[in-house]
Amino acid sequence: MSLTKCQECNNTVSSHAESCPKCAYPIVDKRSTKAHGGTGEQPKRREIVNIFLSLVFTAVTFLIILALIYLDEYYDMIDFFINLILNFKE
């Protein structure tokens, strides 16, 4: 835990504080703004990754459902032809 100066009133404030206890000025976490250029890039990137993963999961689920429907119809067709052949009377 380090101490920093409030930009508004120059009071000594903990780096973990969300705001200055004296004047309630919001304290900016310097580590998060330095690491990402101060632009909020990390949350945007995380949001994009989450959307991408959601779309991939949805597409895979949709393809699995389609495959199961197709296989069910395919096996029904095979059963039909097997029964037709086995029950065929000359």
PDB file of N, CA and C in Angstrom:
ATOM      1  N   MET A   1       0.851  -1.171   0.000  1.00  0.00           N
ATOM      2  CA  MET A   1       0.000   0.000   0.000  1.00  0.00           C
ATOM      3  C   MET A   1       0.901   1.238   0.000  1.00  0.00           C
ATOM      4  N   SER A   2       0.684   2.113  -0.944  1.00  0.00           N
ATOM      5  CA  SER A   2       1.471   3.344  -1.012  1.00  0.00           C
ATOM      6  C   SER A   2       0.550   4.542  -0.822  1.00  0.00           C
ATOM      7  N   LEU A   3       1.151   5.638  -0.487  1.00  0.00           N
ATOM      8  CA  LEU A   3       0.391   6.871  -0.288  1.00  0.00           C
ATOM      9  C   LEU A   3       0.628   7.797  -1.458  1.00  0.00           C
ATOM     10  N   THR A   4      -0.415   8.466  -1.882  1.00  0.00           N
ATOM     11  CA  THR A   4      -0.329   9.433  -2.970  1.00  0.00           C
ATOM     12  C   THR A   4      -0.970  10.731  -2.506  1.00  0.00           C
ATOM     13  N   LYS A   5      -0.799  11.770  -3.291  1.00  0.00           N
ATOM     14  CA  LYS A   5      -1.401  13.067  -2.992  1.00  0.00           C
ATOM     15  C   LYS A   5      -2.686  13.228  -3.787  1.00  0.00           C
ATOM     16  N   CYS A   6      -3.701  13.760  -3.138  1.00  0.00           N
ATOM     17  CA  CYS A   6      -4.958  14.070  -3.826  1.00  0.00           C
ATOM     18  C   CYS A   6      -4.694  15.233  -4.782  1.00  0.00           C
ATOM     19  N   GLN A   7      -5.186  15.153  -5.984  1.00  0.00           N
ATOM     20  CA  GLN A   7      -4.968  16.210  -6.976  1.00  0.00           C
ATOM     21  C   GLN A   7      -5.763  17.472  -6.652  1.00  0.00           C
ATOM     22  N   GLU A   8      -6.804  17.328  -5.885  1.00  0.00           N
ATOM     23  CA  GLU A   8      -7.674  18.454  -5.576  1.00  0.00           C
ATOM     24  C   GLU A   8      -7.199  19.229  -4.346  1.00  0.00           C
ATOM     25  N   CYS A   9      -6.947  18.516  -3.226  1.00  0.00           N
ATOM     26  CA  CYS A   9      -6.637  19.211  -1.966  1.00  0.00           C
ATOM     27  C   CYS A   9      -5.240  18.917  -1.430  1.00  0.00           C
ATOM     28  N   ASN A  10      -4.447  18.099  -2.138  1.00  0.00           N
ATOM     29  CA  ASN A  10      -3.087  17.717  -1.739  1.00  0.00           C
ATOM     30  C   ASN A  10      -3.036  16.950  -0.425  1.00  0.00           C
ATOM     31  N   ASN A  11      -4.118  16.354  -0.033  1.00  0.00           N
ATOM     32  CA  ASN A  11      -4.161  15.510   1.159  1.00  0.00           C
ATOM     33  C   ASN A  11      -3.489  14.177   0.837  1.00  0.00           C
ATOM     34  N   THR A  12      -2.848  13.536   1.816  1.00  0.00           N
ATOM     35  CA  THR A  12      -2.235  12.231   1.617  1.00  0.00           C
ATOM     36  C   THR A  12      -3.326  11.171   1.642  1.00  0.00           C
ATOM     37  N   VAL A  13      -3.355  10.351   0.564  1.00  0.00           N
ATOM     38  CA  VAL A  13      -4.425   9.367   0.388  1.00  0.00           C
ATOM     39  C   VAL A  13      -3.804   8.021   0.046  1.00  0.00           C
ATOM     40  N   SER A  14      -4.413   6.957   0.530  1.00  0.00           N
ATOM     41  CA  SER A  14      -3.971   5.606   0.194  1.00  0.00           C
ATOM     42  C   SER A  14      -4.198   5.349  -1.299  1.00  0.00           C
ATOM     43  N   SER A  15      -3.290   4.591  -1.898  1.00  0.00           N
ATOM     44  CA  SER A  15      -3.443   4.279  -3.321  1.00  0.00           C
ATOM     45  C   SER A  15      -4.607   3.324  -3.570  1.00  0.00           C
ATOM     46  N   HIS A  16      -5.088   2.667  -2.524  1.00  0.00           N
ATOM     47  CA  HIS A  16      -6.227   1.754  -2.655  1.00  0.00           C
ATOM     48  C   HIS A  16      -7.572   2.447  -2.459  1.00  0.00           C
ATOM     49  N   ALA A  17      -7.552   3.717  -2.061  1.00  0.00           N
ATOM     50  CA  ALA A  17      -8.800   4.449  -1.826  1.00  0.00           C
ATOM     51  C   ALA A  17      -9.451   4.807  -3.155  1.00  0.00           C
ATOM     52  N   GLU A  18     -10.765   4.800  -3.171  1.00  0.00           N
ATOM     53  CA  GLU A  18     -11.492   5.188  -4.387  1.00  0.00           C
ATOM     54  C   GLU A  18     -11.651   6.692  -4.490  1.00  0.00           C
ATOM     55  N   SER A  19     -11.655   7.368  -3.344  1.00  0.00           N
ATOM     56  CA  SER A  19     -11.777   8.821  -3.339  1.00  0.00           C
ATOM     57  C   SER A  19     -11.045   9.382  -2.125  1.00  0.00           C
ATOM     58  N   CYS A  20     -10.766  10.661  -2.175  1.00  0.00           N
ATOM     59  CA  CYS A  20     -10.090  11.332  -1.069  1.00  0.00           C
ATOM     60  C   CYS A  20     -11.052  11.431   0.114  1.00  0.00           C
ATOM     61  N   PRO A  21     -10.619  11.049   1.326  1.00  0.00           N
ATOM     62  CA  PRO A  21     -11.518  11.123   2.470  1.00  0.00           C
ATOM     63  C   PRO A  21     -11.821  12.560   2.901  1.00  0.00           C
ATOM     64  N   LYS A  22     -10.973  13.504   2.492  1.00  0.00           N
ATOM     65  CA  LYS A  22     -11.173  14.893   2.891  1.00  0.00           C
ATOM     66  C   LYS A  22     -12.121  15.641   1.946  1.00  0.00           C
ATOM     67  N   CYS A  23     -11.897  15.507   0.645  1.00  0.00           N
ATOM     68  CA  CYS A  23     -12.691  16.287  -0.316  1.00  0.00           C
ATOM     69  C   CYS A  23     -13.546  15.427  -1.246  1.00  0.00           C
ATOM     70  N   ALA A  24     -13.429  14.100  -1.164  1.00  0.00           N
ATOM     71  CA  ALA A  24     -14.202  13.136  -1.967  1.00  0.00           C
ATOM     72  C   ALA A  24     -13.836  13.163  -3.452  1.00  0.00           C
ATOM     73  N   TYR A  25     -12.664  13.718  -3.776  1.00  0.00           N
ATOM     74  CA  TYR A  25     -12.201  13.723  -5.162  1.00  0.00           C
ATOM     75  C   TYR A  25     -11.836  12.291  -5.559  1.00  0.00           C
ATOM     76  N   PRO A  26     -12.295  11.784  -6.715  1.00  0.00           N
ATOM     77  CA  PRO A  26     -11.984  10.403  -7.115  1.00  0.00           C
ATOM     78  C   PRO A  26     -10.489  10.221  -7.348  1.00  0.00           C
ATOM     79  N   ILE A  27      -9.961   9.114  -6.846  1.00  0.00           N
ATOM     80  CA  ILE A  27      -8.545   8.793  -6.996  1.00  0.00           C
ATOM     81  C   ILE A  27      -8.385   7.876  -8.196  1.00  0.00           C
ATOM     82  N   VAL A  28      -7.521   8.237  -9.125  1.00  0.00           N
ATOM     83  CA  VAL A  28      -7.271   7.443 -10.324  1.00  0.00           C
ATOM     84  C   VAL A  28      -6.173   6.449 -10.006  1.00  0.00           C
ATOM     85  N   ASP A  29      -6.418   5.189 -10.321  1.00  0.00           N
ATOM     86  CA  ASP A  29      -5.407   4.159 -10.107  1.00  0.00           C
ATOM     87  C   ASP A  29      -4.371   4.282 -11.214  1.00  0.00           C
ATOM     88  N   LYS A  30      -3.172   4.748 -10.862  1.00  0.00           N
ATOM     89  CA  LYS A  30      -2.132   5.003 -11.872  1.00  0.00           C
ATOM     90  C   LYS A  30      -1.653   3.731 -12.547  1.00  0.00           C
ATOM     91  N   ARG A  31      -1.674   2.609 -11.843  1.00  0.00           N
ATOM     92  CA  ARG A  31      -1.198   1.356 -12.437  1.00  0.00           C
ATOM     93  C   ARG A  31      -2.084   0.928 -13.600  1.00  0.00           C
ATOM     94  N   SER A  32      -3.395   1.059 -13.461  1.00  0.00           N
ATOM     95  CA  SER A  32      -4.274   0.614 -14.541  1.00  0.00           C
ATOM     96  C   SER A  32      -4.229   1.566 -15.732  1.00  0.00           C
ATOM     97  N   THR A  33      -4.042   2.882 -15.479  1.00  0.00           N
ATOM     98  CA  THR A  33      -3.994   3.811 -16.607  1.00  0.00           C
ATOM     99  C   THR A  33      -2.663   3.744 -17.329  1.00  0.00           C
ATOM    100  N   LYS A  34      -1.570   3.477 -16.612  1.00  0.00           N
ATOM    101  CA  LYS A  34      -0.268   3.355 -17.276  1.00  0.00           C
ATOM    102  C   LYS A  34      -0.188   2.090 -18.121  1.00  0.00           C
ATOM    103  N   ALA A  35      -0.699   1.002 -17.589  1.00  0.00           N
ATOM    104  CA  ALA A  35      -0.573  -0.272 -18.279  1.00  0.00           C
ATOM    105  C   ALA A  35      -1.332  -0.293 -19.601  1.00  0.00           C
ATOM    106  N   HIS A  36      -2.393   0.472 -19.718  1.00  0.00           N
ATOM    107  CA  HIS A  36      -3.219   0.427 -20.924  1.00  0.00           C
ATOM    108  C   HIS A  36      -3.315   1.779 -21.616  1.00  0.00           C
ATOM    109  N   GLY A  37      -2.370   2.657 -21.345  1.00  0.00           N
ATOM    110  CA  GLY A  37      -2.340   3.931 -22.036  1.00  0.00           C
ATOM    111  C   GLY A  37      -3.387   4.911 -21.557  1.00  0.00           C
ATOM    112  N   GLY A  38      -4.097   4.615 -20.486  1.00  0.00           N
ATOM    113  CA  GLY A  38      -5.097   5.527 -19.957  1.00  0.00           C
ATOM    114  C   GLY A  38      -6.355   5.615 -20.796  1.00  0.00           C
ATOM    115  N   THR A  39      -6.543   4.711 -21.729  1.00  0.00           N
ATOM    116  CA  THR A  39      -7.690   4.798 -22.633  1.00  0.00           C
ATOM    117  C   THR A  39      -8.798   3.827 -22.303  1.00  0.00           C
ATOM    118  N   GLY A  40      -8.603   3.006 -21.281  1.00  0.00           N
ATOM    119  CA  GLY A  40      -9.620   2.008 -20.969  1.00  0.00           C
ATOM    120  C   GLY A  40      -9.618   0.875 -21.966  1.00  0.00           C
ATOM    121  N   GLU A  41      -8.470   0.588 -22.548  1.00  0.00           N
ATOM    122  CA  GLU A  41      -8.357  -0.413 -23.603  1.00  0.00           C
ATOM    123  C   GLU A  41      -8.654  -1.826 -23.102  1.00  0.00           C
ATOM    124  N   GLN A  42      -8.243  -2.137 -21.871  1.00  0.00           N
ATOM    125  CA  GLN A  42      -8.423  -3.497 -21.350  1.00  0.00           C
ATOM    126  C   GLN A  42      -9.897  -3.901 -21.262  1.00  0.00           C
ATOM    127  N   PRO A  43     -10.794  -3.089 -20.671  1.00  0.00           N
ATOM    128  CA  PRO A  43     -12.197  -3.519 -20.637  1.00  0.00           C
ATOM    129  C   PRO A  43     -12.800  -3.698 -22.032  1.00  0.00           C
ATOM    130  N   LYS A  44     -12.444  -2.843 -22.981  1.00  0.00           N
ATOM    131  CA  LYS A  44     -12.972  -2.975 -24.336  1.00  0.00           C
ATOM    132  C   LYS A  44     -12.491  -4.278 -24.965  1.00  0.00           C
ATOM    133  N   ARG A  45     -11.221  -4.582 -24.773  1.00  0.00           N
ATOM    134  CA  ARG A  45     -10.674  -5.806 -25.344  1.00  0.00           C
ATOM    135  C   ARG A  45     -11.333  -7.023 -24.707  1.00  0.00           C
ATOM    136  N   ARG A  46     -11.528  -6.980 -23.398  1.00  0.00           N
ATOM    137  CA  ARG A  46     -12.166  -8.081 -22.704  1.00  0.00           C
ATOM    138  C   ARG A  46     -13.606  -8.261 -23.200  1.00  0.00           C
ATOM    139  N   GLU A  47     -14.291  -7.148 -23.440  1.00  0.00           N
ATOM    140  CA  GLU A  47     -15.666  -7.209 -23.942  1.00  0.00           C
ATOM    141  C   GLU A  47     -15.708  -7.824 -25.342  1.00  0.00           C
ATOM    142  N   ILE A  48     -14.768  -7.461 -26.185  1.00  0.00           N
ATOM    143  CA  ILE A  48     -14.706  -8.010 -27.543  1.00  0.00           C
ATOM    144  C   ILE A  48     -14.426  -9.507 -27.500  1.00  0.00           C
ATOM    145  N   VAL A  49     -13.505  -9.925 -26.624  1.00  0.00           N
ATOM    146  CA  VAL A  49     -13.191 -11.350 -26.492  1.00  0.00           C
ATOM    147  C   VAL A  49     -14.417 -12.108 -25.999  1.00  0.00           C
ATOM    148  N   ASN A  50     -15.142 -11.544 -25.031  1.00  0.00           N
ATOM    149  CA  ASN A  50     -16.350 -12.202 -24.523  1.00  0.00           C
ATOM    150  C   ASN A  50     -17.414 -12.338 -25.603  1.00  0.00           C
ATOM    151  N   ILE A  51     -17.596 -11.311 -26.405  1.00  0.00           N
ATOM    152  CA  ILE A  51     -18.578 -11.376 -27.496  1.00  0.00           C
ATOM    153  C   ILE A  51     -18.154 -12.432 -28.513  1.00  0.00           C
ATOM    154  N   PHE A  52     -16.877 -12.453 -28.858  1.00  0.00           N
ATOM    155  CA  PHE A  52     -16.369 -13.434 -29.822  1.00  0.00           C
ATOM    156  C   PHE A  52     -16.573 -14.859 -29.310  1.00  0.00           C
ATOM    157  N   LEU A  53     -16.224 -15.100 -28.054  1.00  0.00           N
ATOM    158  CA  LEU A  53     -16.399 -16.440 -27.487  1.00  0.00           C
ATOM    159  C   LEU A  53     -17.870 -16.836 -27.427  1.00  0.00           C
ATOM    160  N   SER A  54     -18.743 -15.881 -27.141  1.00  0.00           N
ATOM    161  CA  SER A  54     -20.178 -16.167 -27.127  1.00  0.00           C
ATOM    162  C   SER A  54     -20.675 -16.557 -28.514  1.00  0.00           C
ATOM    163  N   LEU A  55     -20.195 -15.844 -29.526  1.00  0.00           N
ATOM    164  CA  LEU A  55     -20.604 -16.165 -30.899  1.00  0.00           C
ATOM    165  C   LEU A  55     -20.087 -17.537 -31.326  1.00  0.00           C
ATOM    166  N   VAL A  56     -18.850 -17.857 -30.966  1.00  0.00           N
ATOM    167  CA  VAL A  56     -18.294 -19.168 -31.302  1.00  0.00           C
ATOM    168  C   VAL A  56     -19.084 -20.269 -30.603  1.00  0.00           C
ATOM    169  N   PHE A  57     -19.372 -20.078 -29.321  1.00  0.00           N
ATOM    170  CA  PHE A  57     -20.151 -21.066 -28.574  1.00  0.00           C
ATOM    171  C   PHE A  57     -21.532 -21.261 -29.198  1.00  0.00           C
ATOM    172  N   THR A  58     -22.186 -20.161 -29.583  1.00  0.00           N
ATOM    173  CA  THR A  58     -23.510 -20.242 -30.206  1.00  0.00           C
ATOM    174  C   THR A  58     -23.435 -20.977 -31.538  1.00  0.00           C
ATOM    175  N   ALA A  59     -22.418 -20.679 -32.349  1.00  0.00           N
ATOM    176  CA  ALA A  59     -22.281 -21.333 -33.652  1.00  0.00           C
ATOM    177  C   ALA A  59     -22.027 -22.831 -33.488  1.00  0.00           C
ATOM    178  N   VAL A  60     -21.165 -23.205 -32.563  1.00  0.00           N
ATOM    179  CA  VAL A  60     -20.875 -24.621 -32.339  1.00  0.00           C
ATOM    180  C   VAL A  60     -22.117 -25.351 -31.845  1.00  0.00           C
ATOM    181  N   THR A  61     -22.841 -24.737 -30.932  1.00  0.00           N
ATOM    182  CA  THR A  61     -24.083 -25.341 -30.431  1.00  0.00           C
ATOM    183  C   THR A  61     -25.089 -25.526 -31.562  1.00  0.00           C
ATOM    184  N   PHE A  62     -25.231 -24.524 -32.410  1.00  0.00           N
ATOM    185  CA  PHE A  62     -26.152 -24.601 -33.544  1.00  0.00           C
ATOM    186  C   PHE A  62     -25.751 -25.723 -34.495  1.00  0.00           C
ATOM    187  N   LEU A  63     -24.449 -25.845 -34.771  1.00  0.00           N
ATOM    188  CA  LEU A  63     -23.983 -26.905 -35.668  1.00  0.00           C
ATOM    189  C   LEU A  63     -24.202 -28.289 -35.059  1.00  0.00           C
ATOM    190  N   ILE A  64     -24.025 -28.420 -33.771  1.00  0.00           N
ATOM    191  CA  ILE A  64     -24.270 -29.709 -33.109  1.00  0.00           C
ATOM    192  C   ILE A  64     -25.740 -30.072 -33.202  1.00  0.00           C
ATOM    193  N   ILE A  65     -26.617 -29.105 -32.983  1.00  0.00           N
ATOM    194  CA  ILE A  65     -28.060 -29.366 -33.078  1.00  0.00           C
ATOM    195  C   ILE A  65     -28.430 -29.775 -34.501  1.00  0.00           C
ATOM    196  N   LEU A  66     -27.888 -29.069 -35.492  1.00  0.00           N
ATOM    197  CA  LEU A  66     -28.170 -29.427 -36.887  1.00  0.00           C
ATOM    198  C   LEU A  66     -27.664 -30.832 -37.207  1.00  0.00           C
ATOM    199  N   ALA A  67     -26.479 -31.167 -36.714  1.00  0.00           N
ATOM    200  CA  ALA A  67     -25.926 -32.498 -36.962  1.00  0.00           C
ATOM    201  C   ALA A  67     -26.800 -33.571 -36.328  1.00  0.00           C
ATOM    202  N   LEU A  68     -27.276 -33.320 -35.127  1.00  0.00           N
ATOM    203  CA  LEU A  68     -28.141 -34.305 -34.460  1.00  0.00           C
ATOM    204  C   LEU A  68     -29.458 -34.478 -35.205  1.00  0.00           C
ATOM    205  N   ILE A  69     -30.019 -33.386 -35.691  1.00  0.00           N
ATOM    206  CA  ILE A  69     -31.264 -33.479 -36.462  1.00  0.00           C
ATOM    207  C   ILE A  69     -31.024 -34.258 -37.748  1.00  0.00           C
ATOM    208  N   TYR A  70     -29.915 -33.947 -38.437  1.00  0.00           N
ATOM    209  CA  TYR A  70     -29.600 -34.636 -39.681  1.00  0.00           C
ATOM    210  C   TYR A  70     -29.369 -36.120 -39.433  1.00  0.00           C
ATOM    211  N   LEU A  71     -28.602 -36.450 -38.401  1.00  0.00           N
ATOM    212  CA  LEU A  71     -28.318 -37.850 -38.108  1.00  0.00           C
ATOM    213  C   LEU A  71     -29.584 -38.608 -37.729  1.00  0.00           C
ATOM    214  N   ASP A  72     -30.472 -37.951 -37.008  1.00  0.00           N
ATOM    215  CA  ASP A  72     -31.733 -38.599 -36.628  1.00  0.00           C
ATOM    216  C   ASP A  72     -32.549 -38.941 -37.875  1.00  0.00           C
ATOM    217  N   GLU A  73     -32.641 -37.985 -38.810  1.00  0.00           N
ATOM    218  CA  GLU A  73     -33.367 -38.241 -40.051  1.00  0.00           C
ATOM    219  C   GLU A  73     -32.645 -39.297 -40.885  1.00  0.00           C
ATOM    220  N   TYR A  74     -31.320 -39.268 -40.889  1.00  0.00           N
ATOM    221  CA  TYR A  74     -30.537 -40.223 -41.653  1.00  0.00           C
ATOM    222  C   TYR A  74     -30.752 -41.637 -41.117  1.00  0.00           C
ATOM    223  N   TYR A  75     -30.712 -41.798 -39.800  1.00  0.00           N
ATOM    224  CA  TYR A  75     -30.919 -43.121 -39.219  1.00  0.00           C
ATOM    225  C   TYR A  75     -32.357 -43.600 -39.391  1.00  0.00           C
ATOM    226  N   ASP A  76     -33.310 -42.682 -39.380  1.00  0.00           N
ATOM    227  CA  ASP A  76     -34.690 -43.061 -39.666  1.00  0.00           C
ATOM    228  C   ASP A  76     -34.813 -43.588 -41.091  1.00  0.00           C
ATOM    229  N   MET A  77     -34.112 -42.961 -42.025  1.00  0.00           N
ATOM    230  CA  MET A  77     -34.146 -43.397 -43.417  1.00  0.00           C
ATOM    231  C   MET A  77     -33.492 -44.773 -43.556  1.00  0.00           C
ATOM    232  N   ILE A  78     -32.379 -44.989 -42.875  1.00  0.00           N
ATOM    233  CA  ILE A  78     -31.707 -46.292 -42.926  1.00  0.00           C
ATOM    234  C   ILE A  78     -32.613 -47.375 -42.349  1.00  0.00           C
ATOM    235  N   ASP A  79     -33.254 -47.093 -41.211  1.00  0.00           N
ATOM    236  CA  ASP A  79     -34.189 -48.053 -40.617  1.00  0.00           C
ATOM    237  C   ASP A  79     -35.325 -48.381 -41.582  1.00  0.00           C
ATOM    238  N   PHE A  80     -35.802 -47.361 -42.280  1.00  0.00           N
ATOM    239  CA  PHE A  80     -36.890 -47.582 -43.230  1.00  0.00           C
ATOM    240  C   PHE A  80     -36.453 -48.553 -44.324  1.00  0.00           C
ATOM    241  N   PHE A  81     -35.263 -48.320 -44.895  1.00  0.00           N
ATOM    242  CA  PHE A  81     -34.805 -49.190 -45.975  1.00  0.00           C
ATOM    243  C   PHE A  81     -34.460 -50.597 -45.487  1.00  0.00           C
ATOM    244  N   ILE A  82     -33.922 -50.705 -44.288  1.00  0.00           N
ATOM    245  CA  ILE A  82     -33.629 -52.033 -43.731  1.00  0.00           C
ATOM    246  C   ILE A  82     -34.933 -52.805 -43.529  1.00  0.00           C
ATOM    247  N   ASN A  83     -35.939 -52.137 -42.968  1.00  0.00           N
ATOM    248  CA  ASN A  83     -37.242 -52.795 -42.781  1.00  0.00           C
ATOM    249  C   ASN A  83     -37.880 -53.143 -44.113  1.00  0.00           C
ATOM    250  N   LEU A  84     -37.715 -52.280 -45.101  1.00  0.00           N
ATOM    251  CA  LEU A  84     -38.264 -52.539 -46.421  1.00  0.00           C
ATOM    252  C   LEU A  84     -37.607 -53.769 -47.039  1.00  0.00           C
ATOM    253  N   ILE A  85     -36.290 -53.874 -46.902  1.00  0.00           N
ATOM    254  CA  ILE A  85     -35.557 -55.012 -47.467  1.00  0.00           C
ATOM    255  C   ILE A  85     -35.895 -56.295 -46.720  1.00  0.00           C
ATOM    256  N   LEU A  86     -35.926 -56.230 -45.385  1.00  0.00           N
ATOM    257  CA  LEU A  86     -36.195 -57.425 -44.599  1.00  0.00           C
ATOM    258  C   LEU A  86     -37.628 -57.926 -44.740  1.00  0.00           C
ATOM    259  N   ASN A  87     -38.546 -57.016 -44.960  1.00  0.00           N
ATOM    260  CA  ASN A  87     -39.949 -57.399 -45.062  1.00  0.00           C
ATOM    261  C   ASN A  87     -40.416 -57.551 -46.514  1.00  0.00           C
ATOM    262  N   PHE A  88     -39.483 -57.485 -47.430  1.00  0.00           N
ATOM    263  CA  PHE A  88     -39.844 -57.573 -48.832  1.00  0.00           C
ATOM    264  C   PHE A  88     -40.245 -59.021 -49.166  1.00  0.00           C
ATOM    265  N   LYS A  89     -41.387 -59.143 -49.771  1.00  0.00           N
ATOM    266  CA  LYS A  89     -41.870 -60.474 -50.170  1.00  0.00           C
ATOM    267  C   LYS A  89     -41.929 -60.531 -51.676  1.00  0.00           C
ATOM    268  N   GLU A  90     -41.407 -61.613 -52.195  1.00  0.00           N
ATOM    269  CA  GLU A  90     -41.401 -61.753 -53.645  1.00  0.00           C
ATOM    270  C   GLU A  90     -42.643 -62.451 -54.106  1.00  0.00           C
TER     271      GLU A  90
END
